[in-house]
């Protein structure tokens, strides 16, 4: 499981939760074959929030 594998590289809670969130978003998009609307629905967020989160992660990298 992703969480168990990466807990050893724990820096701080905010960073760790952000990494888990990115992982979940990417997995859900992959699971839905790139369909952002379905991915957002399954994540329980609005599609615009999904795009905002993705754009925020891209700027940090």
Protein backbone atom coordinates (compact mmCIF):
# COMPACT_ATOMS: atom_id res chain seq x y z
CA UNK A 1 0.00 0.00 0.00
CA UNK A 2 1.29 3.48 -0.90
CA UNK A 3 0.97 4.88 2.62
CA UNK A 4 2.95 2.11 4.27
CA UNK A 5 5.72 2.30 1.68
CA UNK A 6 6.22 6.05 2.04
CA UNK A 7 5.77 6.59 5.77
CA UNK A 8 9.51 6.06 6.31
CA UNK A 9 10.26 9.17 4.24
CA UNK A 10 7.87 11.21 6.41
CA UNK A 11 8.94 14.86 6.55
CA UNK A 12 5.97 16.56 8.15
CA UNK A 13 2.25 15.91 8.18
CA UNK A 14 1.33 18.63 5.66
CA UNK A 15 3.84 17.35 3.10
CA UNK A 16 2.90 13.73 3.67
CA UNK A 17 -0.84 14.41 3.30
CA UNK A 18 -0.19 16.42 0.15
CA UNK A 19 1.75 13.50 -1.35
CA UNK A 20 -1.01 11.06 -0.44
CA UNK A 21 -3.60 13.38 -1.99
CA UNK A 22 -1.63 13.61 -5.24
CA UNK A 23 -1.27 9.83 -5.32
CA UNK A 24 -5.02 9.31 -4.80
CA UNK A 25 -5.93 11.86 -7.47
CA UNK A 26 -3.57 10.35 -10.03
CA UNK A 27 -4.81 6.82 -9.29
CA UNK A 28 -8.45 7.88 -9.63
CA UNK A 29 -7.77 9.64 -12.95
CA UNK A 30 -5.96 6.52 -14.18
CA UNK A 31 -8.80 4.29 -12.97
CA UNK A 32 -11.27 6.40 -14.95
CA UNK A 33 -9.13 6.41 -18.11
CA UNK A 34 -8.50 10.15 -17.90
CA UNK A 35 -12.14 11.11 -17.41
CA UNK A 36 -11.75 14.04 -15.02
CA UNK A 37 -15.47 14.40 -14.32
CA UNK A 38 -15.80 10.78 -13.19
CA UNK A 39 -12.56 10.98 -11.20
CA UNK A 40 -13.74 14.12 -9.39
CA UNK A 41 -17.12 12.55 -8.64
CA UNK A 42 -15.50 9.45 -7.17
CA UNK A 43 -13.14 11.61 -5.12
CA UNK A 44 -16.12 13.57 -3.80
CA UNK A 45 -14.96 16.92 -5.14
CA UNK A 46 -16.06 19.24 -7.93
CA UNK A 47 -14.19 18.95 -11.23
CA UNK A 48 -12.91 22.55 -10.96
CA UNK A 49 -11.34 21.73 -7.58
CA UNK A 50 -9.67 18.70 -9.14
CA UNK A 51 -8.12 20.88 -11.84
CA UNK A 52 -7.07 23.48 -9.25
CA UNK A 53 -5.35 20.82 -7.17
CA UNK A 54 -3.57 19.39 -10.21
CA UNK A 55 -2.38 22.84 -11.29
CA UNK A 56 -1.13 23.53 -7.77
CA UNK A 57 0.91 20.32 -7.74
CA UNK A 58 2.42 21.03 -11.16
CA UNK A 59 3.59 24.46 -10.00
CA UNK A 60 5.29 22.94 -6.93
CA UNK A 61 7.28 20.43 -9.00
